Amino acid sequence: MTTTTSGARDRVLIFDTTLRDGEQCPGATMTLDEKLAVAELLDTMGVDIIEAGFPIASNGDFEAVAEIARRSKRAVIAGLARAIPADIARAGEAVRHARAGRIHTFVSTSPIHLAHQMRKSEDEVVEIILKTVAQARDLVDDVEWSAMDATRTGIDYLCRCVEAAIKAGATTINLPDTVGYATPSEYRAMFAAVRERVPNADKAVFSVHCHNDLGLAVANTLAGLEGGARQIECTINGIGERAGNAALEEVVMAIRTRGDVMPFETGIESTLLTRASKLVSHATNFPVQFNKAIVGRNAFAHESGIHQDGMLKNAETYEIMTPASVGLAKTSLVMGKHSGRAAFRSKLGELGLHLTDNQFQDVFERFKALADRKKHVYDEDIEALVDENLATAHDRIRLVSLSVIAGTHGPQRATLKIMVDGRTVTEEADGNGPVDAVFNAIHALVPHEAVLELYQVHAVTEGTDAQAEVSVRLKDGERSVTARGADPDTLVASAKAYLSALNKLSAAARRLHAQAI
């Protein structure tokens, strides 16, 4: 793949790794349906390359990459592979049905990684690069090679490795700041030096991949562009290992807003950024911080009197981009309990939500039930219903009914009815407060050793009848999962979230069991 230009603006490729690096964030595992929904939206919004997963990691990862490859309409679909022949073969098999497939293979290059992780000499690693990149190139025409921990690798050896990778057939060279160690000036200088010193550098696109351990991921990403990189690796909401990755929405809007100093362009439809943020947040069950740039709840909120005065006179006094440019509309009142299927389907289309017939029927029934209970139904309410449908489509444990006795004079008591694998069971339990009573009842019906690490509540919209959205994180041994539930009743939302987390733990356990057989 090569870069193109439009006038004086270089085309920058957007490589989204939400489904691979983003999913490595503890507790952020997604179901197949959720991955397909995210991939479809990324494809629609103009992402150039979607890194759909790590095919050798599990059968589930392989199946997700393969299915995304089959469905992709525009984007290149990439599968990650270590510099191991079996990994590369598996990645090649996963992406072979894509309109355009890519194998992304990587190997460590820094002295600390070679000594303690690879246990290989520099010469041995160069031989590995030559063999594995050539193997990948025999399977696909589009091969990306990454120097893991590039920013802590000596420049002479880094240039040697890059030259070997391009010689073996790599079409994209990624020089990642794997541990978030670099500063912008260092990162820019590294790209400039490698591109100047490697004889065949003009035969490949150079790529940036930055982690946010020091809060410099986006700054380093933009510095890499100044150094000659023309591909950005990023994730929606900046999710990823440790402190996360460079956020797609931030780099895209930085390039768009500051075109005066960054003569680049991307193919991203920015009006879909807010929807993508919400979809990934719900799929991973990771809430977006309120003051998050571009897509946070407060990104376009103005509290200060001085700011409000300026906004009233001219929005440009304190807004460098419009809410509409990132797909953020004012909370809009939609339909009520008398709305029909056609109007509801039309509203879903306006929100960029596309469902199968079965999914539509389920969400429509939930909408009608919500409209009977809630005075006003907003766009955000509908988005929460759709996201919950995607998250719980294959749950084996489902809430049937819940009633709670609570108040200042205890004890608080919950009566819970759930369906487990098609069988309905009921339990009553006391607790130190109504939420504790609900969770105790769940524990009695679904015995487990998981520890509650997080319990968080916020309102989907305004008003006392707003849906409550509850986030729950459970940890069972080394496995941690996060889940959400939404309902006008906070206790019902709490039960849904807890059960959803248990479903995720159960599904993960079944996958591990299947792989062991």
Protein backbone atom coordinates (compact mmCIF):
# COMPACT_ATOMS: atom_id res chain seq x y z
CA MET A 1 0.00 0.00 0.00
CA THR A 2 1.31 3.46 -0.84
CA THR A 3 0.40 6.90 0.33
CA THR A 4 -1.36 9.34 -1.96
CA THR A 5 -1.54 13.08 -1.97
CA SER A 6 -4.36 15.52 -2.46
CA GLY A 7 -2.98 18.90 -3.41
CA ALA A 8 -0.35 19.79 -0.82
CA ARG A 9 -1.82 17.44 1.81
CA ASP A 10 -0.34 14.00 2.33
CA ARG A 11 -2.82 11.20 2.88
CA VAL A 12 -2.33 9.60 6.30
CA LEU A 13 -3.58 6.04 6.71
CA ILE A 14 -5.57 5.21 9.84
CA PHE A 15 -4.81 1.76 11.26
CA ASP A 16 -7.29 0.95 14.04
CA THR A 17 -6.28 -1.67 16.58
CA THR A 18 -9.26 -1.40 18.94
CA LEU A 19 -10.13 -5.04 18.32
CA ARG A 20 -6.59 -6.24 19.02
CA ASP A 21 -4.51 -3.95 21.23
CA GLY A 22 -7.62 -2.33 22.67
CA GLU A 23 -9.10 -5.67 23.68
CA GLN A 24 -5.90 -6.50 25.57
CA CYS A 25 -6.95 -3.90 28.15
CA PRO A 26 -7.85 -5.93 31.29
CA GLY A 27 -11.59 -6.58 31.38
CA ALA A 28 -12.23 -5.25 27.87
CA THR A 29 -12.99 -8.56 26.14
CA MET A 30 -15.73 -8.35 23.50
CA THR A 31 -18.11 -10.98 22.15
CA LEU A 32 -18.08 -11.92 18.47
CA ASP A 33 -21.25 -9.91 17.80
CA GLU A 34 -19.72 -6.87 19.50
CA LYS A 35 -16.52 -7.20 17.46
CA LEU A 36 -18.51 -7.47 14.24
CA ALA A 37 -20.53 -4.36 15.13
CA VAL A 38 -17.37 -2.37 15.94
CA ALA A 39 -15.62 -3.57 12.77
CA GLU A 40 -18.62 -2.62 10.62
CA LEU A 41 -18.68 0.90 12.03
CA LEU A 42 -14.91 1.31 11.62
CA ASP A 43 -15.25 0.19 8.01
CA THR A 44 -18.14 2.61 7.43
CA MET A 45 -16.34 5.58 8.98
CA GLY A 46 -13.35 5.18 6.66
CA VAL A 47 -10.68 3.39 8.70
CA ASP A 48 -8.03 2.23 6.21
CA ILE A 49 -6.76 -0.82 8.09
CA ILE A 50 -8.60 -2.72 10.83
CA GLU A 51 -6.40 -4.93 12.98
CA ALA A 52 -9.11 -7.44 13.81
CA GLY A 53 -7.24 -9.62 16.29
CA PHE A 54 -4.43 -12.05 17.07
CA PRO A 55 -5.50 -15.24 15.22
CA ILE A 56 -3.12 -17.65 16.97
CA ALA A 57 -4.27 -16.52 20.43
CA SER A 58 -7.48 -18.57 20.42
CA ASN A 59 -10.08 -20.14 18.17
CA GLY A 60 -12.39 -17.26 19.09
CA ASP A 61 -9.85 -14.68 17.93
CA PHE A 62 -9.26 -16.60 14.70
CA GLU A 63 -12.99 -16.84 13.97
CA ALA A 64 -13.49 -13.14 14.68
CA VAL A 65 -10.69 -12.08 12.32
CA ALA A 66 -11.90 -14.48 9.61
CA GLU A 67 -15.52 -13.29 9.84
CA ILE A 68 -14.53 -9.62 9.84
CA ALA A 69 -12.34 -10.35 6.81
CA ARG A 70 -15.31 -11.86 4.97
CA ARG A 71 -17.59 -8.90 5.78
CA SER A 72 -15.24 -5.97 5.19
CA LYS A 73 -16.33 -3.74 2.33
CA ARG A 74 -13.53 -1.15 2.19
CA ALA A 75 -10.88 -1.59 4.89
CA VAL A 76 -7.79 -3.75 4.76
CA ILE A 77 -8.12 -6.45 7.45
CA ALA A 78 -4.97 -7.25 9.41
CA GLY A 79 -4.14 -10.17 11.68
CA LEU A 80 -1.29 -9.94 14.19
CA ALA A 81 1.44 -12.59 14.32
CA ARG A 82 4.60 -13.06 16.30
CA ALA A 83 7.75 -13.82 14.32
CA ILE A 84 6.88 -17.51 14.54
CA PRO A 85 5.96 -19.60 11.47
CA ALA A 86 2.80 -21.05 13.05
CA ASP A 87 1.57 -17.56 13.99
CA ILE A 88 2.12 -16.24 10.49
CA ALA A 89 0.40 -19.20 8.85
CA ARG A 90 -2.60 -18.80 11.16
CA ALA A 91 -2.83 -15.07 10.43
CA GLY A 92 -2.63 -15.72 6.71
CA GLU A 93 -5.48 -18.23 6.94
CA ALA A 94 -7.61 -15.78 8.94
CA VAL A 95 -7.33 -12.87 6.47
CA ARG A 96 -7.37 -14.84 3.21
CA HIS A 97 -11.06 -14.12 2.53
CA ALA A 98 -10.66 -10.36 2.93
CA ARG A 99 -11.06 -8.00 0.00
CA ALA A 100 -7.56 -6.92 1.04
CA GLY A 101 -5.69 -8.78 3.80
CA ARG A 102 -2.57 -7.92 5.75
CA ILE A 103 -0.28 -9.91 8.02
CA HIS A 104 1.23 -7.79 10.78
CA THR A 105 4.26 -9.52 12.28
CA PHE A 106 6.55 -8.23 14.98
CA VAL A 107 9.74 -9.03 16.86
CA SER A 108 11.61 -7.33 19.70
CA THR A 109 14.68 -5.28 18.84
CA SER A 110 15.74 -3.43 22.01
CA PRO A 111 18.71 -4.69 24.05
CA ILE A 112 16.57 -5.26 27.15
CA HIS A 113 14.03 -7.33 25.18
CA LEU A 114 16.70 -9.32 23.35
CA ALA A 115 18.49 -10.15 26.59
CA HIS A 116 15.53 -10.96 28.83
CA GLN A 117 12.59 -11.86 26.57
CA MET A 118 13.94 -13.08 23.23
CA ARG A 119 17.25 -14.47 24.58
CA LYS A 120 18.64 -14.03 21.07
CA SER A 121 21.60 -12.21 19.59
CA GLU A 122 21.20 -9.28 17.21
CA ASP A 123 22.29 -11.45 14.26
CA GLU A 124 19.80 -14.17 15.18
CA VAL A 125 16.95 -11.66 15.28
CA VAL A 126 17.86 -10.29 11.84
CA GLU A 127 17.69 -13.85 10.47
CA ILE A 128 14.28 -14.29 12.10
CA ILE A 129 13.09 -11.07 10.45
CA LEU A 130 14.26 -12.16 7.01
CA LYS A 131 12.62 -15.60 7.24
CA THR A 132 9.31 -14.64 8.83
CA VAL A 133 8.65 -11.54 6.73
CA ALA A 134 9.40 -13.58 3.59
CA GLN A 135 6.96 -16.28 4.80
CA ALA A 136 4.25 -13.66 5.34
CA ARG A 137 4.90 -12.10 1.91
CA ASP A 138 4.41 -15.51 0.29
CA LEU A 139 0.89 -15.56 1.81
CA VAL A 140 -0.23 -11.96 1.21
CA ASP A 141 0.98 -8.96 -0.77
CA ASP A 142 0.53 -6.59 2.18
CA VAL A 143 2.93 -7.26 5.06
CA GLU A 144 3.56 -5.00 8.04
CA TRP A 145 6.62 -5.49 10.22
CA SER A 146 7.01 -3.97 13.68
CA ALA A 147 10.15 -3.45 15.76
CA MET A 148 8.81 -4.02 19.26
CA ASP A 149 10.31 -1.49 21.69
CA ALA A 150 11.78 0.49 18.80
CA THR A 151 12.21 3.64 20.91
CA ARG A 152 14.67 1.85 23.21
CA THR A 153 16.61 0.29 20.34
CA GLY A 154 19.96 1.67 19.18
CA ILE A 155 19.54 3.56 15.92
CA ASP A 156 22.23 1.57 14.06
CA TYR A 157 20.63 -1.78 14.86
CA LEU A 158 17.13 -0.44 14.26
CA CYS A 159 18.16 0.66 10.76
CA ARG A 160 19.67 -2.76 10.11
CA CYS A 161 16.42 -4.50 11.11
CA VAL A 162 14.26 -2.15 9.04
CA GLU A 163 16.45 -2.68 5.99
CA ALA A 164 16.15 -6.47 6.42
CA ALA A 165 12.36 -6.32 6.80
CA ILE A 166 11.89 -4.26 3.64
CA LYS A 167 14.32 -6.48 1.74
CA ALA A 168 12.25 -9.52 2.76
CA GLY A 169 9.04 -7.92 1.48
CA ALA A 170 7.54 -5.73 4.19
CA THR A 171 5.37 -2.98 2.71
CA THR A 172 4.75 -1.15 6.01
CA ILE A 173 7.31 -0.53 8.74
CA ASN A 174 5.98 0.20 12.22
CA LEU A 175 8.32 1.73 14.81
CA PRO A 176 6.26 1.60 18.02
CA ASP A 177 6.79 3.34 21.31
CA THR A 178 5.81 0.07 22.98
CA VAL A 179 6.23 1.18 26.58
CA GLY A 180 5.29 4.85 26.19
CA TYR A 181 8.84 5.98 26.90
CA ALA A 182 9.63 8.46 24.11
CA THR A 183 9.22 12.22 23.95
CA PRO A 184 7.91 13.91 20.78
CA SER A 185 11.29 15.28 19.72
CA GLU A 186 12.95 11.87 20.15
CA TYR A 187 10.21 10.06 18.27
CA ARG A 188 10.28 12.52 15.37
CA ALA A 189 14.08 12.27 15.15
CA MET A 190 13.98 8.45 15.13
CA PHE A 191 11.71 8.35 12.07
CA ALA A 192 13.71 11.00 10.27
CA ALA A 193 16.98 9.14 10.92
CA VAL A 194 15.68 5.71 9.88
CA ARG A 195 14.09 7.02 6.69
CA GLU A 196 17.27 8.88 5.79
CA ARG A 197 19.72 6.06 6.59
CA VAL A 198 17.91 2.94 5.30
CA PRO A 199 18.63 2.60 1.53
CA ASN A 200 15.26 1.05 0.61
CA ALA A 201 13.12 3.15 2.97
CA ASP A 202 11.15 4.64 0.07
CA LYS A 203 9.67 1.20 -0.68
CA ALA A 204 7.59 1.12 2.52
CA VAL A 205 5.05 3.21 4.40
CA PHE A 206 6.26 4.08 7.90
CA SER A 207 3.85 3.77 10.80
CA VAL A 208 3.52 5.13 14.34
CA HIS A 209 2.14 3.16 17.29
CA CYS A 210 2.27 5.00 20.60
CA HIS A 211 1.31 4.03 24.13
CA ASN A 212 0.18 6.56 26.69
CA ASP A 213 2.18 5.64 29.81
CA LEU A 214 3.47 9.22 30.16
CA GLY A 215 0.40 10.83 28.58
CA LEU A 216 2.32 11.51 25.35
CA ALA A 217 0.70 9.06 22.91
CA VAL A 218 -1.10 11.61 20.74
CA ALA A 219 1.77 14.12 20.87
CA ASN A 220 4.25 11.41 19.87
CA THR A 221 1.93 10.21 17.10
CA LEU A 222 1.80 13.68 15.54
CA ALA A 223 5.56 14.05 15.96
CA GLY A 224 6.02 10.78 14.08
CA LEU A 225 4.11 12.27 11.15
CA GLU A 226 6.52 15.20 11.15
CA GLY A 227 9.33 12.65 10.97
CA GLY A 228 7.86 11.09 7.84
CA ALA A 229 5.43 8.42 9.04
CA ARG A 230 2.22 8.19 7.04
CA GLN A 231 0.27 5.56 8.96
CA ILE A 232 -1.19 6.06 12.44
CA GLU A 233 -2.00 3.11 14.69
CA CYS A 234 -4.63 4.02 17.25
CA THR A 235 -7.77 2.91 19.09
CA ILE A 236 -11.23 4.29 19.73
CA ASN A 237 -11.27 6.07 23.12
CA GLY A 238 -7.53 5.36 23.41
CA ILE A 239 -8.17 1.96 25.03
CA GLY A 240 -5.33 -0.53 25.23
CA GLU A 241 -2.79 -2.11 27.51
CA ARG A 242 -1.75 -0.23 30.64
CA ALA A 243 -2.51 3.48 30.06
CA GLY A 244 -3.80 2.79 26.54
CA ASN A 245 -2.97 3.87 23.01
CA ALA A 246 -3.22 7.06 21.01
CA ALA A 247 -6.93 7.85 20.64
CA LEU A 248 -8.20 7.73 17.06
CA GLU A 249 -10.67 10.56 17.60
CA GLU A 250 -7.97 12.82 19.03
CA VAL A 251 -5.41 12.37 16.25
CA VAL A 252 -8.05 12.67 13.53
CA MET A 253 -9.51 15.88 14.92
CA ALA A 254 -6.06 17.33 15.69
CA ILE A 255 -5.10 16.86 12.03
CA ARG A 256 -8.42 18.25 10.85
CA THR A 257 -8.48 21.23 13.21
CA ARG A 258 -4.82 22.22 12.86
CA GLY A 259 -4.40 21.79 9.12
CA ASP A 260 -2.47 25.06 9.16
CA VAL A 261 0.52 23.33 10.78
CA MET A 262 -0.17 19.69 9.81
CA PRO A 263 -0.60 19.40 6.02
CA PHE A 264 -2.24 15.98 6.20
CA GLU A 265 -5.64 14.45 5.64
CA THR A 266 -7.35 11.22 6.65
CA GLY A 267 -10.29 9.39 5.15
CA ILE A 268 -12.25 9.35 8.41
CA GLU A 269 -15.86 10.55 8.48
CA SER A 270 -15.57 12.54 11.69
CA THR A 271 -19.32 12.78 12.29
CA LEU A 272 -19.24 9.09 13.27
CA LEU A 273 -16.63 9.57 16.00
CA THR A 274 -19.10 10.02 18.85
CA ARG A 275 -21.09 6.95 17.81
CA ALA A 276 -17.89 4.89 17.57
CA SER A 277 -16.86 6.06 21.03
CA LYS A 278 -20.20 5.04 22.52
CA LEU A 279 -20.26 1.68 20.75
CA VAL A 280 -16.75 0.74 21.90
CA SER A 281 -17.47 2.01 25.41
CA HIS A 282 -20.51 -0.23 25.67
CA ALA A 283 -18.89 -3.21 23.94
CA THR A 284 -15.87 -3.14 26.27
CA ASN A 285 -17.87 -1.85 29.25
CA PHE A 286 -15.26 0.86 29.76
CA PRO A 287 -16.87 4.24 30.50
CA VAL A 288 -15.43 7.32 28.79
CA GLN A 289 -14.11 9.85 31.29
CA PHE A 290 -16.22 12.99 31.35
CA ASN A 291 -13.34 15.30 30.43
CA LYS A 292 -12.03 13.05 27.63
CA ALA A 293 -11.01 15.10 24.59
CA ILE A 294 -13.40 15.07 21.60
CA VAL A 295 -15.92 12.49 22.87
CA GLY A 296 -16.16 13.06 26.63
CA ARG A 297 -19.45 14.26 28.11
CA ASN A 298 -17.86 17.61 29.04
CA ALA A 299 -15.86 18.10 25.82
CA PHE A 300 -18.27 20.82 24.66
CA ALA A 301 -19.69 21.89 28.02
CA HIS A 302 -19.05 25.43 29.27
CA GLU A 303 -19.54 26.13 32.98
CA SER A 304 -17.55 29.32 33.51
CA GLY A 305 -19.56 32.54 33.27
CA ILE A 306 -16.86 34.12 31.12
CA HIS A 307 -16.92 31.14 28.76
CA GLN A 308 -20.72 31.12 28.60
CA ASP A 309 -20.78 34.82 27.81
CA GLY A 310 -18.30 34.34 24.98
CA MET A 311 -20.20 31.35 23.62
CA LEU A 312 -23.42 33.33 23.51
CA LYS A 313 -21.72 36.06 21.50
CA ASN A 314 -19.73 33.79 19.17
CA ALA A 315 -19.18 30.03 19.58
CA GLU A 316 -15.67 30.32 18.14
CA THR A 317 -14.53 32.23 21.22
CA TYR A 318 -14.18 28.97 23.15
CA GLU A 319 -14.84 26.16 20.64
CA ILE A 320 -12.16 25.21 18.14
CA MET A 321 -14.47 22.65 16.49
CA THR A 322 -18.21 22.19 16.45
CA PRO A 323 -20.03 19.39 18.30
CA ALA A 324 -21.68 18.45 15.00
CA SER A 325 -18.27 17.85 13.38
CA VAL A 326 -17.76 14.83 15.65
CA GLY A 327 -21.36 13.64 15.45
CA LEU A 328 -22.53 15.12 18.72
CA ALA A 329 -26.07 16.43 18.53
CA LYS A 330 -28.06 17.98 21.33
CA THR A 331 -30.01 15.36 23.26
CA SER A 332 -33.05 14.95 21.07
CA LEU A 333 -36.47 13.86 22.19
CA VAL A 334 -37.57 10.97 20.05
CA MET A 335 -40.66 8.82 20.12
CA GLY A 336 -43.06 7.53 22.71
CA LYS A 337 -45.17 4.47 23.35
CA HIS A 338 -47.37 5.13 20.29
CA SER A 339 -44.46 5.10 17.84
CA GLY A 340 -44.51 2.30 15.29
CA ARG A 341 -41.89 0.02 13.77
CA ALA A 342 -41.31 2.17 10.70
CA ALA A 343 -40.61 5.30 12.75
CA PHE A 344 -38.37 3.35 15.10
CA ARG A 345 -36.39 1.81 12.24
CA SER A 346 -36.01 5.29 10.72
CA LYS A 347 -34.66 6.63 14.03
CA LEU A 348 -32.15 3.77 14.22
CA GLY A 349 -30.95 4.74 10.74
CA GLU A 350 -30.49 8.36 11.82
CA LEU A 351 -28.34 7.15 14.71
CA GLY A 352 -26.24 4.96 12.42
CA LEU A 353 -27.57 1.77 14.01
CA HIS A 354 -28.22 -1.21 11.73
CA LEU A 355 -29.75 -4.38 13.15
CA THR A 356 -30.79 -7.77 11.85
CA ASP A 357 -34.52 -8.53 11.84
CA ASN A 358 -34.25 -10.54 15.06
CA GLN A 359 -32.19 -7.85 16.76
CA PHE A 360 -34.62 -5.16 15.62
CA GLN A 361 -37.60 -7.03 17.02
CA ASP A 362 -35.92 -7.51 20.40
CA VAL A 363 -34.79 -3.87 20.65
CA PHE A 364 -38.22 -2.61 19.51
CA GLU A 365 -39.93 -4.61 22.25
CA ARG A 366 -37.49 -3.21 24.81
CA PHE A 367 -38.15 0.29 23.48
CA LYS A 368 -41.92 -0.11 23.87
CA ALA A 369 -41.46 -1.44 27.42
CA LEU A 370 -39.18 1.51 28.24
CA ALA A 371 -41.64 4.01 26.73
CA ASP A 372 -44.35 2.66 29.02
CA ARG A 373 -42.17 3.38 32.06
CA LYS A 374 -40.36 6.58 31.07
CA LYS A 375 -41.97 9.90 30.16
CA HIS A 376 -39.44 10.85 27.47
CA VAL A 377 -37.26 8.52 25.41
CA TYR A 378 -34.05 10.07 24.10
CA ASP A 379 -31.50 9.05 21.47
CA GLU A 380 -29.12 7.97 24.24
CA ASP A 381 -31.81 5.66 25.63
CA ILE A 382 -32.16 3.94 22.27
CA GLU A 383 -28.38 3.61 21.91
CA ALA A 384 -28.24 1.99 25.36
CA LEU A 385 -30.96 -0.49 24.35
CA VAL A 386 -29.10 -1.45 21.17
CA ASP A 387 -25.76 -1.80 22.93
CA GLU A 388 -27.34 -3.96 25.65
CA ASN A 389 -28.88 -6.17 22.97
CA LEU A 390 -25.47 -6.74 21.37
CA ALA A 391 -23.85 -7.43 24.74
CA THR A 392 -26.41 -9.96 25.99
CA ALA A 393 -27.47 -11.75 22.78
CA HIS A 394 -25.87 -15.05 23.77
CA ASP A 395 -26.10 -14.89 27.57
CA ARG A 396 -26.94 -18.18 29.28
CA ILE A 397 -27.98 -16.41 32.49
CA ARG A 398 -30.80 -13.86 32.18
CA LEU A 399 -32.80 -11.74 34.59
CA VAL A 400 -36.50 -12.59 34.74
CA SER A 401 -37.74 -10.46 37.66
CA LEU A 402 -36.54 -8.65 40.76
CA SER A 403 -38.25 -7.14 43.79
CA VAL A 404 -36.48 -5.45 46.67
CA ILE A 405 -37.54 -4.36 50.16
CA ALA A 406 -35.38 -1.45 51.34
CA GLY A 407 -35.49 1.50 53.69
CA THR A 408 -34.05 2.92 56.89
CA HIS A 409 -35.29 0.00 58.98
CA GLY A 410 -33.64 -3.15 57.67
CA PRO A 411 -33.04 -5.77 56.78
CA GLN A 412 -32.94 -5.09 53.04
CA ARG A 413 -34.20 -8.11 51.13
CA ALA A 414 -34.13 -9.04 47.44
CA THR A 415 -36.29 -11.65 45.68
CA LEU A 416 -34.65 -12.59 42.40
CA LYS A 417 -35.82 -14.80 39.55
CA ILE A 418 -33.36 -15.67 36.78
CA MET A 419 -33.20 -18.08 33.86
CA VAL A 420 -30.10 -20.30 33.63
CA ASP A 421 -29.78 -22.34 30.43
CA GLY A 422 -33.54 -22.18 29.96
CA ARG A 423 -34.40 -23.17 33.55
CA THR A 424 -36.04 -20.61 35.85
CA VAL A 425 -34.83 -20.42 39.47
CA THR A 426 -35.73 -18.08 42.35
CA GLU A 427 -33.91 -16.97 45.49
CA GLU A 428 -34.37 -14.53 48.37
CA ALA A 429 -31.46 -12.94 50.20
CA ASP A 430 -30.75 -10.24 52.78
CA GLY A 431 -27.95 -7.73 52.50
CA ASN A 432 -26.28 -4.67 53.94
CA GLY A 433 -28.29 -2.41 51.63
CA PRO A 434 -30.43 -3.26 48.59
CA VAL A 435 -27.55 -3.69 46.12
CA ASP A 436 -25.78 -6.10 48.47
CA ALA A 437 -29.03 -8.04 48.86
CA VAL A 438 -29.41 -8.32 45.07
CA PHE A 439 -25.83 -9.50 44.61
CA ASN A 440 -26.19 -12.00 47.48
CA ALA A 441 -29.25 -13.47 45.78
CA ILE A 442 -27.32 -13.80 42.52
CA HIS A 443 -24.45 -15.49 44.35
CA ALA A 444 -26.84 -18.00 45.90
CA LEU A 445 -28.27 -18.89 42.47
CA VAL A 446 -24.96 -18.78 40.59
CA PRO A 447 -22.20 -19.80 43.03
CA HIS A 448 -18.83 -18.33 42.10
CA GLU A 449 -15.53 -17.11 43.56
CA ALA A 450 -15.35 -13.84 41.62
CA VAL A 451 -14.54 -10.67 43.56
CA LEU A 452 -16.39 -7.40 42.89
CA GLU A 453 -13.71 -4.86 41.93
CA LEU A 454 -15.91 -2.03 40.62
CA TYR A 455 -19.49 -0.88 41.04
CA GLN A 456 -20.39 2.40 39.33
CA VAL A 457 -23.68 4.15 38.49
CA HIS A 458 -24.47 7.05 36.18
CA ALA A 459 -27.57 8.32 34.39
CA VAL A 460 -27.94 7.81 30.63
CA THR A 461 -29.92 11.06 30.27
CA GLU A 462 -31.27 13.81 32.51
CA GLY A 463 -34.35 13.61 34.71
CA THR A 464 -35.44 11.60 37.71
CA ASP A 465 -36.85 8.90 35.40
CA ALA A 466 -33.58 8.54 33.47
CA GLN A 467 -32.19 5.10 32.81
CA ALA A 468 -29.45 4.20 35.25
CA GLU A 469 -26.38 2.65 33.67
CA VAL A 470 -24.42 0.44 36.05
CA SER A 471 -20.87 -0.81 35.46
CA VAL A 472 -19.59 -3.88 37.29
CA ARG A 473 -16.12 -5.42 37.21
CA LEU A 474 -15.56 -8.95 38.50
CA LYS A 475 -12.22 -10.66 38.96
CA ASP A 476 -11.89 -14.44 39.07
CA GLY A 477 -8.28 -15.48 39.56
CA GLU A 478 -6.26 -13.74 36.86
CA ARG A 479 -9.31 -13.05 34.70
CA SER A 480 -11.08 -9.70 34.98
CA VAL A 481 -14.27 -8.73 33.13
CA THR A 482 -16.39 -5.59 33.05
CA ALA A 483 -20.06 -5.41 32.14
CA ARG A 484 -22.92 -2.92 32.07
CA GLY A 485 -26.65 -2.93 32.58
CA ALA A 486 -29.22 -0.19 31.93
CA ASP A 487 -32.71 0.26 33.31
CA PRO A 488 -34.83 3.05 34.85
CA ASP A 489 -34.61 1.04 38.09
CA THR A 490 -31.04 1.25 39.42
CA LEU A 491 -31.34 -2.10 41.22
CA VAL A 492 -32.53 -3.86 38.06
CA ALA A 493 -29.64 -2.26 36.14
CA SER A 494 -27.29 -3.51 38.89
CA ALA A 495 -28.59 -7.06 38.57
CA LYS A 496 -28.28 -6.96 34.78
CA ALA A 497 -24.70 -5.71 34.98
CA TYR A 498 -23.66 -8.34 37.53
CA LEU A 499 -25.28 -11.15 35.55
CA SER A 500 -23.67 -9.90 32.35
CA ALA A 501 -20.25 -10.00 34.03
CA LEU A 502 -20.91 -13.57 35.21
CA ASN A 503 -21.90 -14.51 31.66
CA LYS A 504 -18.60 -13.13 30.38
CA LEU A 505 -16.63 -15.10 32.97
CA SER A 506 -18.57 -18.24 32.10
CA ALA A 507 -17.98 -17.77 28.37
CA ALA A 508 -14.25 -17.22 28.93
CA ALA A 509 -14.05 -20.37 31.05
CA ARG A 510 -15.81 -22.39 28.35
CA ARG A 511 -13.41 -21.10 25.70
CA LEU A 512 -10.40 -22.10 27.80
CA HIS A 513 -11.91 -25.54 28.40
CA ALA A 514 -12.55 -26.03 24.69
CA GLN A 515 -8.97 -25.07 23.82
CA ALA A 516 -7.61 -27.52 26.40
CA ILE A 517 -9.51 -30.46 24.90
